[in-house]
Amino acid sequence: MKTAMESPVIRHHPTDDVLLSYAGGSLATGMRAVVAVHLELCPECRERVAQLRAVGGALLDDEPP
């Protein structure tokens, strides 16, 4: 039996498309909440979202004002 302090075993992860939409702020409210909870528990997906945001930021930096 798991205690409240143990992390759950994560068996499923959002797709890159879903993480990209989350990072870009274009997910619907309900799905955004689901992904946010997943990210609280999953360092692998948090890192992926950070990478996607960095790429998006770099692309915006290359755009003319």
N, C-alpha and C. Protein backbone atom coordinates (compact mmCIF):
# COMPACT_ATOMS: atom_id res chain seq x y z
N MET A 1 0.84 -1.18 0.00
CA MET A 1 0.00 0.00 0.00
C MET A 1 0.89 1.24 0.00
N LYS A 2 0.54 2.20 -0.82
CA LYS A 2 1.32 3.44 -0.91
C LYS A 2 0.91 4.41 0.17
N THR A 3 1.91 5.13 0.65
CA THR A 3 1.62 6.21 1.59
C THR A 3 1.45 7.49 0.81
N ALA A 4 0.99 8.53 1.48
CA ALA A 4 0.77 9.81 0.82
C ALA A 4 2.07 10.42 0.31
N MET A 5 3.20 10.00 0.86
CA MET A 5 4.48 10.58 0.48
C MET A 5 5.10 9.92 -0.75
N GLU A 6 4.64 8.75 -1.13
CA GLU A 6 5.21 8.06 -2.27
C GLU A 6 4.68 8.63 -3.58
N SER A 7 5.56 8.72 -4.57
CA SER A 7 5.15 9.17 -5.89
C SER A 7 4.48 8.02 -6.63
N PRO A 8 3.43 8.32 -7.38
CA PRO A 8 2.79 7.27 -8.16
C PRO A 8 3.69 6.85 -9.33
N VAL A 9 3.48 5.65 -9.80
CA VAL A 9 4.19 5.18 -10.98
C VAL A 9 3.46 5.73 -12.20
N ILE A 10 4.17 6.45 -13.04
CA ILE A 10 3.56 7.05 -14.23
C ILE A 10 3.79 6.11 -15.39
N ARG A 11 2.69 5.68 -16.00
CA ARG A 11 2.76 4.73 -17.10
C ARG A 11 2.46 5.37 -18.45
N HIS A 12 1.82 6.52 -18.44
CA HIS A 12 1.43 7.19 -19.67
C HIS A 12 1.86 8.65 -19.60
N HIS A 13 2.30 9.15 -20.72
CA HIS A 13 2.76 10.54 -20.80
C HIS A 13 2.04 11.24 -21.94
N PRO A 14 1.83 12.55 -21.82
CA PRO A 14 1.26 13.30 -22.94
C PRO A 14 2.19 13.23 -24.15
N THR A 15 1.61 13.29 -25.33
CA THR A 15 2.41 13.31 -26.55
C THR A 15 3.16 14.64 -26.67
N ASP A 16 4.16 14.67 -27.53
CA ASP A 16 4.87 15.92 -27.77
C ASP A 16 3.93 17.00 -28.30
N ASP A 17 2.95 16.61 -29.12
CA ASP A 17 1.98 17.59 -29.62
C ASP A 17 1.20 18.24 -28.48
N VAL A 18 0.79 17.44 -27.52
CA VAL A 18 0.05 17.97 -26.37
C VAL A 18 0.96 18.85 -25.52
N LEU A 19 2.19 18.39 -25.28
CA LEU A 19 3.14 19.21 -24.50
C LEU A 19 3.46 20.52 -25.21
N LEU A 20 3.58 20.47 -26.53
CA LEU A 20 3.84 21.69 -27.29
C LEU A 20 2.67 22.66 -27.19
N SER A 21 1.45 22.14 -27.29
CA SER A 21 0.27 22.99 -27.13
C SER A 21 0.19 23.58 -25.73
N TYR A 22 0.56 22.77 -24.73
CA TYR A 22 0.59 23.27 -23.35
C TYR A 22 1.62 24.40 -23.22
N ALA A 23 2.82 24.15 -23.73
CA ALA A 23 3.89 25.15 -23.64
C ALA A 23 3.51 26.43 -24.36
N GLY A 24 2.76 26.30 -25.45
CA GLY A 24 2.35 27.47 -26.23
C GLY A 24 1.07 28.12 -25.72
N GLY A 25 0.45 27.52 -24.71
CA GLY A 25 -0.75 28.11 -24.12
C GLY A 25 -2.01 27.92 -24.94
N SER A 26 -2.03 26.91 -25.81
CA SER A 26 -3.20 26.74 -26.68
C SER A 26 -4.06 25.53 -26.34
N LEU A 27 -3.82 24.89 -25.20
CA LEU A 27 -4.68 23.76 -24.80
C LEU A 27 -5.96 24.27 -24.17
N ALA A 28 -7.03 23.51 -24.36
CA ALA A 28 -8.30 23.83 -23.72
C ALA A 28 -8.13 23.73 -22.20
N THR A 29 -8.96 24.44 -21.48
CA THR A 29 -8.84 24.55 -20.02
C THR A 29 -8.76 23.20 -19.32
N GLY A 30 -9.65 22.28 -19.62
CA GLY A 30 -9.65 20.99 -18.95
C GLY A 30 -8.38 20.20 -19.21
N MET A 31 -7.97 20.15 -20.46
CA MET A 31 -6.76 19.42 -20.81
C MET A 31 -5.53 20.10 -20.21
N ARG A 32 -5.54 21.42 -20.17
CA ARG A 32 -4.44 22.16 -19.56
C ARG A 32 -4.28 21.77 -18.09
N ALA A 33 -5.40 21.61 -17.40
CA ALA A 33 -5.36 21.21 -15.99
C ALA A 33 -4.81 19.79 -15.84
N VAL A 34 -5.22 18.89 -16.71
CA VAL A 34 -4.73 17.51 -16.66
C VAL A 34 -3.22 17.47 -16.88
N VAL A 35 -2.74 18.21 -17.87
CA VAL A 35 -1.30 18.23 -18.16
C VAL A 35 -0.54 18.88 -17.02
N ALA A 36 -1.08 19.93 -16.44
CA ALA A 36 -0.41 20.60 -15.32
C ALA A 36 -0.22 19.65 -14.14
N VAL A 37 -1.24 18.86 -13.85
CA VAL A 37 -1.12 17.88 -12.76
C VAL A 37 -0.07 16.84 -13.12
N HIS A 38 -0.08 16.37 -14.36
CA HIS A 38 0.93 15.39 -14.79
C HIS A 38 2.33 15.97 -14.62
N LEU A 39 2.51 17.22 -15.01
CA LEU A 39 3.84 17.84 -14.92
C LEU A 39 4.31 17.96 -13.47
N GLU A 40 3.38 18.12 -12.55
CA GLU A 40 3.76 18.17 -11.12
C GLU A 40 4.41 16.87 -10.68
N LEU A 41 4.02 15.77 -11.31
CA LEU A 41 4.48 14.45 -10.89
C LEU A 41 5.56 13.87 -11.79
N CYS A 42 5.82 14.47 -12.95
CA CYS A 42 6.70 13.85 -13.93
C CYS A 42 7.86 14.77 -14.34
N PRO A 43 9.03 14.54 -13.77
CA PRO A 43 10.18 15.38 -14.12
C PRO A 43 10.58 15.24 -15.59
N GLU A 44 10.36 14.08 -16.18
CA GLU A 44 10.70 13.87 -17.59
C GLU A 44 9.89 14.80 -18.49
N CYS A 45 8.60 14.89 -18.26
CA CYS A 45 7.75 15.76 -19.07
C CYS A 45 7.97 17.24 -18.75
N ARG A 46 8.28 17.55 -17.49
CA ARG A 46 8.61 18.94 -17.14
C ARG A 46 9.83 19.40 -17.93
N GLU A 47 10.83 18.52 -18.04
CA GLU A 47 12.03 18.85 -18.81
C GLU A 47 11.69 19.03 -20.28
N ARG A 48 10.83 18.18 -20.81
CA ARG A 48 10.43 18.30 -22.22
C ARG A 48 9.72 19.62 -22.48
N VAL A 49 8.83 20.03 -21.57
CA VAL A 49 8.14 21.31 -21.72
C VAL A 49 9.14 22.46 -21.65
N ALA A 50 10.12 22.37 -20.77
CA ALA A 50 11.16 23.40 -20.69
C ALA A 50 11.92 23.50 -22.00
N GLN A 51 12.23 22.35 -22.60
CA GLN A 51 12.93 22.34 -23.89
C GLN A 51 12.07 22.97 -24.98
N LEU A 52 10.80 22.62 -25.00
CA LEU A 52 9.89 23.17 -26.01
C LEU A 52 9.73 24.68 -25.85
N ARG A 53 9.66 25.14 -24.61
CA ARG A 53 9.56 26.59 -24.38
C ARG A 53 10.84 27.30 -24.81
N ALA A 54 11.98 26.68 -24.59
CA ALA A 54 13.26 27.29 -24.99
C ALA A 54 13.33 27.41 -26.50
N VAL A 55 12.90 26.38 -27.21
CA VAL A 55 12.90 26.43 -28.68
C VAL A 55 11.94 27.51 -29.15
N GLY A 56 10.75 27.57 -28.56
CA GLY A 56 9.79 28.60 -28.94
C GLY A 56 10.32 30.00 -28.68
N GLY A 57 10.98 30.18 -27.56
CA GLY A 57 11.58 31.48 -27.24
C GLY A 57 12.67 31.85 -28.22
N ALA A 58 13.49 30.88 -28.61
CA ALA A 58 14.55 31.14 -29.57
C ALA A 58 13.96 31.53 -30.93
N LEU A 59 12.89 30.87 -31.32
CA LEU A 59 12.25 31.21 -32.59
C LEU A 59 11.66 32.62 -32.55
N LEU A 60 11.08 33.00 -31.42
CA LEU A 60 10.54 34.36 -31.30
C LEU A 60 11.65 35.40 -31.32
N ASP A 61 12.80 35.08 -30.72
CA ASP A 61 13.93 36.02 -30.72
C ASP A 61 14.44 36.29 -32.13
N ASP A 62 14.27 35.31 -33.02
CA ASP A 62 14.74 35.47 -34.40
C ASP A 62 13.79 36.26 -35.27
N GLU A 63 12.56 36.49 -34.80
CA GLU A 63 11.57 37.22 -35.56
C GLU A 63 11.87 38.73 -35.51
N PRO A 64 11.63 39.42 -36.61
CA PRO A 64 11.81 40.87 -36.58
C PRO A 64 10.76 41.52 -35.67
N PRO A 65 11.11 42.66 -35.08
CA PRO A 65 10.15 43.34 -34.19
C PRO A 65 8.90 43.82 -34.92
